[in-house]
N, C-alpha and C. Protein backbone atom coordinates (compact mmCIF):
# COMPACT_ATOMS: atom_id res chain seq x y z
N MET A 1 76.36 10.13 28.52
CA MET A 1 76.06 10.05 26.93
C MET A 1 74.57 9.77 26.83
N THR A 2 74.52 8.89 27.69
CA THR A 2 72.72 8.41 27.94
C THR A 2 71.69 9.48 28.37
N ARG A 3 72.56 10.05 29.22
CA ARG A 3 71.89 11.73 29.93
C ARG A 3 71.58 12.67 29.03
N LEU A 4 72.47 13.01 28.20
CA LEU A 4 72.36 13.71 27.14
C LEU A 4 71.69 13.59 25.90
N ILE A 5 71.06 12.13 25.86
CA ILE A 5 70.04 11.99 24.52
C ILE A 5 69.11 11.94 25.01
N ALA A 6 68.46 11.64 26.60
CA ALA A 6 67.66 11.66 27.20
C ALA A 6 66.93 13.07 27.68
N LEU A 7 68.20 14.35 27.87
CA LEU A 7 67.76 15.56 27.62
C LEU A 7 66.99 16.07 26.46
N ALA A 8 68.04 15.32 25.29
CA ALA A 8 67.50 15.72 24.00
C ALA A 8 66.14 15.67 23.58
N LEU A 9 65.48 14.20 24.55
CA LEU A 9 64.01 13.77 23.55
C LEU A 9 63.07 14.49 24.78
N VAL A 10 63.12 15.11 26.10
CA VAL A 10 62.43 15.38 27.17
C VAL A 10 61.36 16.97 25.46
N PRO A 11 61.75 17.77 25.23
CA PRO A 11 61.18 18.31 24.46
C PRO A 11 60.37 17.69 23.20
N LEU A 12 61.04 16.61 22.63
CA LEU A 12 59.90 16.22 21.53
C LEU A 12 58.82 15.07 22.19
N ALA A 13 59.19 14.24 23.73
CA ALA A 13 58.24 13.72 24.40
C ALA A 13 57.19 14.81 25.12
N ALA A 14 57.69 15.72 25.06
CA ALA A 14 56.51 16.91 25.37
C ALA A 14 55.90 17.22 24.33
N ALA A 15 55.95 17.66 23.18
CA ALA A 15 55.25 17.82 21.97
C ALA A 15 54.20 16.64 21.59
N VAL A 16 54.89 14.99 22.14
CA VAL A 16 53.96 14.45 21.49
C VAL A 16 53.10 14.13 22.34
N ALA A 17 53.24 14.14 24.03
CA ALA A 17 52.43 14.22 25.00
C ALA A 17 51.13 14.87 25.01
N VAL A 18 51.63 16.44 24.66
CA VAL A 18 50.13 17.48 24.76
C VAL A 18 50.35 18.09 23.42
N PRO A 19 49.58 17.39 22.76
CA PRO A 19 48.78 17.54 21.47
C PRO A 19 48.05 18.78 20.93
N SER A 20 47.49 19.73 21.92
CA SER A 20 46.78 20.84 21.93
C SER A 20 47.92 22.02 21.78
N LEU A 21 49.29 21.77 22.39
CA LEU A 21 50.27 22.66 22.01
C LEU A 21 51.29 22.64 20.24
N ALA A 22 50.20 21.81 19.67
CA ALA A 22 50.66 21.70 18.53
C ALA A 22 49.80 22.50 17.46
N ALA A 23 50.24 22.80 16.28
CA ALA A 23 49.80 23.77 15.53
C ALA A 23 48.24 23.84 15.47
N PRO A 24 47.61 24.09 15.22
CA PRO A 24 45.81 23.63 15.05
C PRO A 24 45.72 23.55 13.82
N GLU A 25 44.84 22.52 13.13
CA GLU A 25 44.94 22.17 11.89
C GLU A 25 43.57 23.44 11.86
N PRO A 26 43.63 23.63 10.11
CA PRO A 26 42.58 24.50 9.48
C PRO A 26 41.27 24.10 9.26
N ALA A 27 40.57 24.51 9.66
CA ALA A 27 38.78 24.21 9.65
C ALA A 27 38.98 24.18 8.22
N THR A 28 38.02 22.58 7.59
CA THR A 28 37.51 22.21 6.66
C THR A 28 36.34 21.75 6.24
N GLY A 29 35.89 21.64 5.48
CA GLY A 29 34.43 20.49 5.31
C GLY A 29 34.30 18.93 6.16
N PRO A 30 33.45 18.56 5.78
CA PRO A 30 32.76 17.54 6.13
C PRO A 30 33.66 16.42 5.94
N ALA A 31 34.74 15.69 6.32
CA ALA A 31 35.52 14.45 6.30
C ALA A 31 35.60 14.56 4.61
N THR A 32 36.33 15.66 4.33
CA THR A 32 36.57 15.55 2.59
C THR A 32 37.64 16.33 2.64
N GLY A 33 38.02 17.43 3.81
CA GLY A 33 39.56 17.76 3.81
C GLY A 33 39.72 18.94 2.55
N ARG A 34 38.30 19.41 2.45
CA ARG A 34 38.22 20.35 1.43
C ARG A 34 37.42 21.74 1.86
N ALA A 35 37.66 22.82 1.79
CA ALA A 35 36.88 24.03 2.04
C ALA A 35 35.66 23.75 1.79
N PRO A 36 34.59 24.31 2.51
CA PRO A 36 33.05 24.15 2.06
C PRO A 36 32.85 24.86 0.79
N LEU A 37 31.91 24.34 0.20
CA LEU A 37 31.44 25.17 -1.12
C LEU A 37 30.27 26.40 -0.49
N PRO A 38 30.67 27.51 -1.57
CA PRO A 38 29.99 28.57 -1.39
C PRO A 38 28.17 28.44 -1.91
N ASP A 39 27.72 28.78 -0.64
CA ASP A 39 26.12 28.50 -1.25
C ASP A 39 26.22 29.41 -2.65
N PRO A 40 25.16 28.25 -3.46
CA PRO A 40 24.83 28.59 -4.63
C PRO A 40 23.43 29.31 -4.93
N ASP A 41 23.06 29.84 -4.08
CA ASP A 41 21.74 30.50 -4.24
C ASP A 41 21.80 32.21 -3.05
N LYS A 42 23.38 32.15 -3.12
CA LYS A 42 23.40 33.57 -2.68
C LYS A 42 23.64 34.46 -4.19
N ILE A 43 23.02 35.78 -3.47
CA ILE A 43 23.09 36.63 -4.77
C ILE A 43 24.37 37.52 -4.69
N VAL A 44 24.70 37.56 -5.82
CA VAL A 44 26.32 37.99 -5.83
C VAL A 44 26.03 39.49 -7.01
N CYS A 45 26.22 40.81 -6.87
CA CYS A 45 26.67 41.48 -7.97
C CYS A 45 27.76 41.74 -8.51
N ARG A 46 27.68 42.40 -9.79
CA ARG A 46 29.05 42.59 -10.58
C ARG A 46 28.80 43.89 -11.43
N ARG A 47 30.07 44.33 -11.44
CA ARG A 47 29.46 45.74 -12.44
C ARG A 47 29.86 45.14 -13.89
N ILE A 48 28.97 45.79 -14.63
CA ILE A 48 29.10 45.11 -16.17
C ILE A 48 29.56 46.35 -16.50
N GLN A 49 31.03 46.36 -17.66
CA GLN A 49 31.08 47.58 -18.33
C GLN A 49 30.34 47.81 -19.72
N SER A 50 30.10 48.46 -20.00
CA SER A 50 29.07 48.87 -21.28
C SER A 50 30.04 48.90 -22.29
N LEU A 51 29.76 48.49 -23.20
CA LEU A 51 30.95 48.54 -24.83
C LEU A 51 30.97 49.72 -25.54
N GLU A 52 29.77 50.63 -25.08
CA GLU A 52 29.69 51.90 -26.08
C GLU A 52 30.34 53.03 -25.16
N SER A 53 31.00 52.79 -23.83
CA SER A 53 31.26 54.07 -23.24
C SER A 53 32.32 53.26 -22.33
N ARG A 54 33.43 53.63 -22.13
CA ARG A 54 34.61 52.98 -21.03
C ARG A 54 33.75 53.98 -19.90
N ILE A 55 33.23 55.28 -19.93
CA ILE A 55 32.78 55.28 -18.27
C ILE A 55 31.70 54.94 -17.71
N SER A 56 30.59 54.12 -18.66
CA SER A 56 29.53 53.71 -18.31
C SER A 56 29.40 52.14 -17.41
N ALA A 57 29.35 52.06 -16.53
CA ALA A 57 29.01 50.71 -16.10
C ALA A 57 27.66 50.45 -15.45
N ARG A 58 27.22 48.95 -15.76
CA ARG A 58 25.80 49.00 -14.89
C ARG A 58 26.43 47.69 -13.79
N LYS A 59 25.20 47.82 -12.85
CA LYS A 59 25.21 46.38 -12.00
C LYS A 59 24.33 45.45 -12.36
N GLU A 60 24.63 44.51 -12.17
CA GLU A 60 24.04 43.21 -12.32
C GLU A 60 23.84 42.65 -11.09
N CYS A 61 23.16 41.83 -10.98
CA CYS A 61 22.99 41.07 -9.51
C CYS A 61 22.36 39.68 -9.87
N HIS A 62 22.60 38.44 -9.77
CA HIS A 62 22.37 37.07 -9.68
C HIS A 62 22.98 36.28 -8.55
N SER A 63 21.92 34.54 -8.11
CA SER A 63 22.79 34.17 -7.73
C SER A 63 24.22 33.61 -8.20
N ARG A 64 24.74 32.76 -7.50
CA ARG A 64 26.18 32.32 -8.40
C ARG A 64 25.94 31.24 -8.73
N ARG A 65 24.33 30.44 -8.68
CA ARG A 65 24.23 29.48 -9.52
C ARG A 65 23.98 30.17 -11.31
N GLU A 66 23.26 31.21 -10.97
CA GLU A 66 22.69 31.83 -12.32
C GLU A 66 24.29 31.87 -12.88
N TRP A 67 25.03 33.11 -12.67
CA TRP A 67 26.38 33.29 -13.14
C TRP A 67 27.02 32.12 -13.49
N ARG A 68 27.45 30.88 -12.72
CA ARG A 68 27.83 29.74 -13.25
C ARG A 68 27.00 29.33 -14.33
N GLU A 69 25.87 29.44 -14.71
CA GLU A 69 25.45 28.81 -15.97
C GLU A 69 25.27 29.63 -17.08
N MET A 70 25.52 30.92 -16.67
CA MET A 70 25.34 32.15 -17.70
C MET A 70 26.72 32.20 -18.22
N ALA A 71 28.20 31.83 -17.46
CA ALA A 71 29.56 31.20 -18.45
C ALA A 71 29.52 30.44 -18.83
N ASP A 72 29.14 29.28 -18.50
CA ASP A 72 29.03 28.12 -19.04
C ASP A 72 27.92 28.20 -20.14
N GLN A 73 26.65 28.72 -20.54
CA GLN A 73 26.50 29.38 -22.13
C GLN A 73 27.14 30.19 -22.75
N ALA A 74 27.89 30.96 -22.07
CA ALA A 74 29.14 31.50 -23.01
C ALA A 74 29.87 30.98 -23.46
N ARG A 75 30.45 29.95 -22.60
CA ARG A 75 31.50 29.52 -23.21
C ARG A 75 31.01 28.33 -24.21
N ALA A 76 29.77 27.51 -23.91
CA ALA A 76 29.42 26.77 -25.10
C ALA A 76 29.25 27.42 -26.67
N ASP A 77 28.72 28.91 -26.59
CA ASP A 77 28.43 29.56 -27.87
C ASP A 77 29.82 29.67 -28.40
N ARG A 78 30.97 30.21 -27.82
CA ARG A 78 31.81 30.61 -27.99
C ARG A 78 32.36 29.25 -28.43
N ASP A 79 32.68 28.46 -28.10
CA ASP A 79 33.12 27.05 -28.71
C ASP A 79 32.78 26.40 -29.76
N SER A 80 30.65 26.78 -30.02
CA SER A 80 30.46 26.02 -31.18
C SER A 80 30.83 27.50 -32.27
N VAL A 81 31.04 28.93 -31.88
CA VAL A 81 31.63 29.57 -33.03
C VAL A 81 33.29 29.02 -33.24
N ASN A 82 33.61 28.76 -32.71
CA ASN A 82 35.12 28.31 -32.84
C ASN A 82 35.14 26.93 -34.02
N ASN A 83 34.05 26.05 -33.31
CA ASN A 83 34.00 25.01 -34.09
C ASN A 83 33.46 25.23 -35.57
N TYR A 84 32.60 26.05 -35.34
CA TYR A 84 31.96 26.35 -36.84
C TYR A 84 33.18 27.09 -37.68
N ARG A 85 33.86 27.88 -37.38
CA ARG A 85 35.05 28.55 -38.27
C ARG A 85 35.77 27.33 -38.57
N GLY A 86 36.30 26.55 -38.11
CA GLY A 86 37.23 25.56 -38.04
C GLY A 86 36.47 24.84 -39.43
N ARG A 87 35.50 24.25 -39.30
CA ARG A 87 34.90 24.08 -40.10
C ARG A 87 34.58 24.75 -41.74
N ALA A 88 34.43 26.00 -41.43
CA ALA A 88 34.23 26.79 -42.45
C ALA A 88 34.99 26.82 -43.59
N SER A 89 36.41 26.92 -43.00
CA SER A 89 37.66 27.46 -43.70
C SER A 89 38.36 25.97 -44.16
N GLY A 90 37.45 24.75 -43.95
CA GLY A 90 38.22 23.70 -44.46
C GLY A 90 39.50 22.90 -43.96
N ASN A 91 39.91 23.74 -42.56
CA ASN A 91 41.13 23.01 -42.07
C ASN A 91 41.00 21.85 -40.93
């Protein structure tokens, strides 16, 4: 019985003794456990659909930082319009 338990524990002991055989850990950022952030100054191009036509679209290129700032500004504009509508209707 002891011999059977010992034989069953051999693969477990081998896995603990040889950590290089274990599954590799994914690469992460420095000591945070998170993926590294993308470069905010990298230029990213996007196709912008025209409101006048479903066919035409133009290409705009900005840095990631500029895209984020434009999205933040659009969100702030939308929120201020929504807040104004709420006050104007008396709700």
